[in-house]
C-alpha cells in the first residue's frame, strides 16, 4: 500500500475549520476517482517532552500502488485542490509519498 502524506508546518496560518469544511471534501472527492482506500487527517499536539512538533496537521491518503497516487496527482481536478490552498494555509504544504510497512 502507498501513502500520500501532506504536512502543514507549525507556525504558519492554518484555518482548520475551513480545511475540514471545504478543502477536505474537495480533496477527498478529487482523490476518490483514483482508488483511494482511506483518508485521514491528524492534528499534531506537543511532543512527549513538551516541545512543538514540526507540523500542525498531517493529511494521509492510502492507495494500492504508487501508480494510483501518480494518476491522482496528475488528474485535472488536482488543479482545483491546489488552487484552494491559499484559502486555509499561508505556506506550501510538504508532500511525501511512501510505502506502508506492516509487521
Protein backbone atom coordinates (compact mmCIF):
# COMPACT_ATOMS: atom_id res chain seq x y z
CA UNK A 1 0.00 0.00 0.00
CA UNK A 2 1.21 3.50 -0.84
CA UNK A 3 0.54 6.62 1.21
CA UNK A 4 0.37 10.20 0.01
CA UNK A 5 1.11 12.40 3.01
CA UNK A 6 0.79 16.18 3.15
CA UNK A 7 2.36 18.06 6.07
CA UNK A 8 1.34 21.52 7.21
CA UNK A 9 4.19 23.19 9.09
CA UNK A 10 3.71 24.58 12.57
CA UNK A 11 3.85 28.35 12.96
CA UNK A 12 2.12 29.03 9.63
CA UNK A 13 -1.53 30.16 9.44
CA UNK A 14 -3.72 27.08 9.06
CA UNK A 15 -7.50 27.51 9.20
CA UNK A 16 -8.61 24.11 10.45
CA UNK A 17 -12.32 24.98 10.21
CA UNK A 18 -12.04 25.91 6.52
CA UNK A 19 -9.80 22.92 5.86
CA UNK A 20 -12.24 20.40 7.33
CA UNK A 21 -15.40 22.07 5.99
CA UNK A 22 -14.29 23.00 2.44
CA UNK A 23 -10.86 21.72 1.43
CA UNK A 24 -11.01 18.18 2.75
CA UNK A 25 -14.25 17.35 0.88
CA UNK A 26 -12.76 18.86 -2.28
CA UNK A 27 -9.58 16.79 -1.96
CA UNK A 28 -11.46 13.64 -0.98
CA UNK A 29 -13.76 13.95 -3.97
CA UNK A 30 -10.84 14.52 -6.35
CA UNK A 31 -8.85 11.56 -4.99
CA UNK A 32 -11.85 9.25 -4.78
CA UNK A 33 -11.79 8.63 -8.52
CA UNK A 34 -8.32 7.07 -8.17
CA UNK A 35 -8.92 4.10 -5.88
CA UNK A 36 -8.10 5.89 -2.65
CA UNK A 37 -8.59 3.34 0.14
CA UNK A 38 -8.69 5.61 3.15
CA UNK A 39 -8.14 9.25 4.05
CA UNK A 40 -7.20 10.59 7.45
CA UNK A 41 -6.17 13.89 8.97
CA UNK A 42 -4.20 14.08 12.19
CA UNK A 43 -3.68 17.28 14.13
CA UNK A 44 -0.33 17.26 15.91
CA UNK A 45 -0.07 18.05 19.60
CA UNK A 46 3.00 18.64 21.73
CA UNK A 47 5.78 16.06 21.74
CA UNK A 48 6.22 13.95 24.91
CA UNK A 49 8.90 16.36 26.14
CA UNK A 50 6.54 19.33 25.64
CA UNK A 51 8.30 20.67 22.56
CA UNK A 52 6.36 21.60 19.47
CA UNK A 53 6.31 19.20 16.52
CA UNK A 54 7.37 20.47 13.08
CA UNK A 55 3.83 20.03 11.72
CA UNK A 56 0.46 21.18 12.99
CA UNK A 57 -1.51 18.77 10.81
CA UNK A 58 -0.88 15.81 8.52
CA UNK A 59 -3.15 14.56 5.72
CA UNK A 60 -2.79 10.96 4.56
CA UNK A 61 -4.44 9.19 1.64
CA UNK A 62 -3.83 5.47 1.12
CA UNK A 63 -3.71 3.86 -2.32
CA UNK A 64 -2.97 0.37 -3.66
CA UNK A 65 0.09 1.45 -5.62
CA UNK A 66 2.46 4.30 -6.49
CA UNK A 67 0.85 4.35 -9.96
CA UNK A 68 -2.54 5.15 -8.40
CA UNK A 69 -1.01 8.04 -6.45
CA UNK A 70 0.65 9.35 -9.60
CA UNK A 71 -2.61 9.21 -11.55
CA UNK A 72 -4.38 11.11 -8.78
CA UNK A 73 -1.69 13.80 -8.64
CA UNK A 74 -1.77 14.25 -12.42
CA UNK A 75 -5.57 14.49 -12.64
CA UNK A 76 -7.20 17.66 -13.92
CA UNK A 77 -9.12 18.02 -10.66
CA UNK A 78 -5.90 18.35 -8.69
CA UNK A 79 -5.58 21.91 -10.03
CA UNK A 80 -8.70 22.87 -8.05
CA UNK A 81 -7.30 21.24 -4.92
CA UNK A 82 -4.00 23.12 -5.24
CA UNK A 83 -5.71 26.42 -6.04
CA UNK A 84 -7.66 26.17 -2.77
CA UNK A 85 -4.57 26.02 -0.53
CA UNK A 86 -4.23 29.82 0.00
CA UNK A 87 -7.76 29.86 1.43
CA UNK A 88 -6.63 28.00 4.55
CA UNK A 89 -2.81 27.91 4.64
CA UNK A 90 -0.15 30.58 4.20
CA UNK A 91 2.62 28.28 3.07
CA UNK A 92 3.29 25.46 0.66
CA UNK A 93 2.47 22.07 2.20
CA UNK A 94 5.15 19.40 2.14
CA UNK A 95 4.18 16.33 0.10
CA UNK A 96 5.62 12.90 0.81
CA UNK A 97 4.88 9.56 -0.88
CA UNK A 98 5.91 6.28 0.69
CA UNK A 99 5.17 2.63 1.14
CA UNK A 100 3.28 1.46 4.21
CA UNK A 101 5.22 -1.21 6.12
CA UNK A 102 3.32 -3.54 8.40
CA UNK A 103 4.74 -6.11 10.82
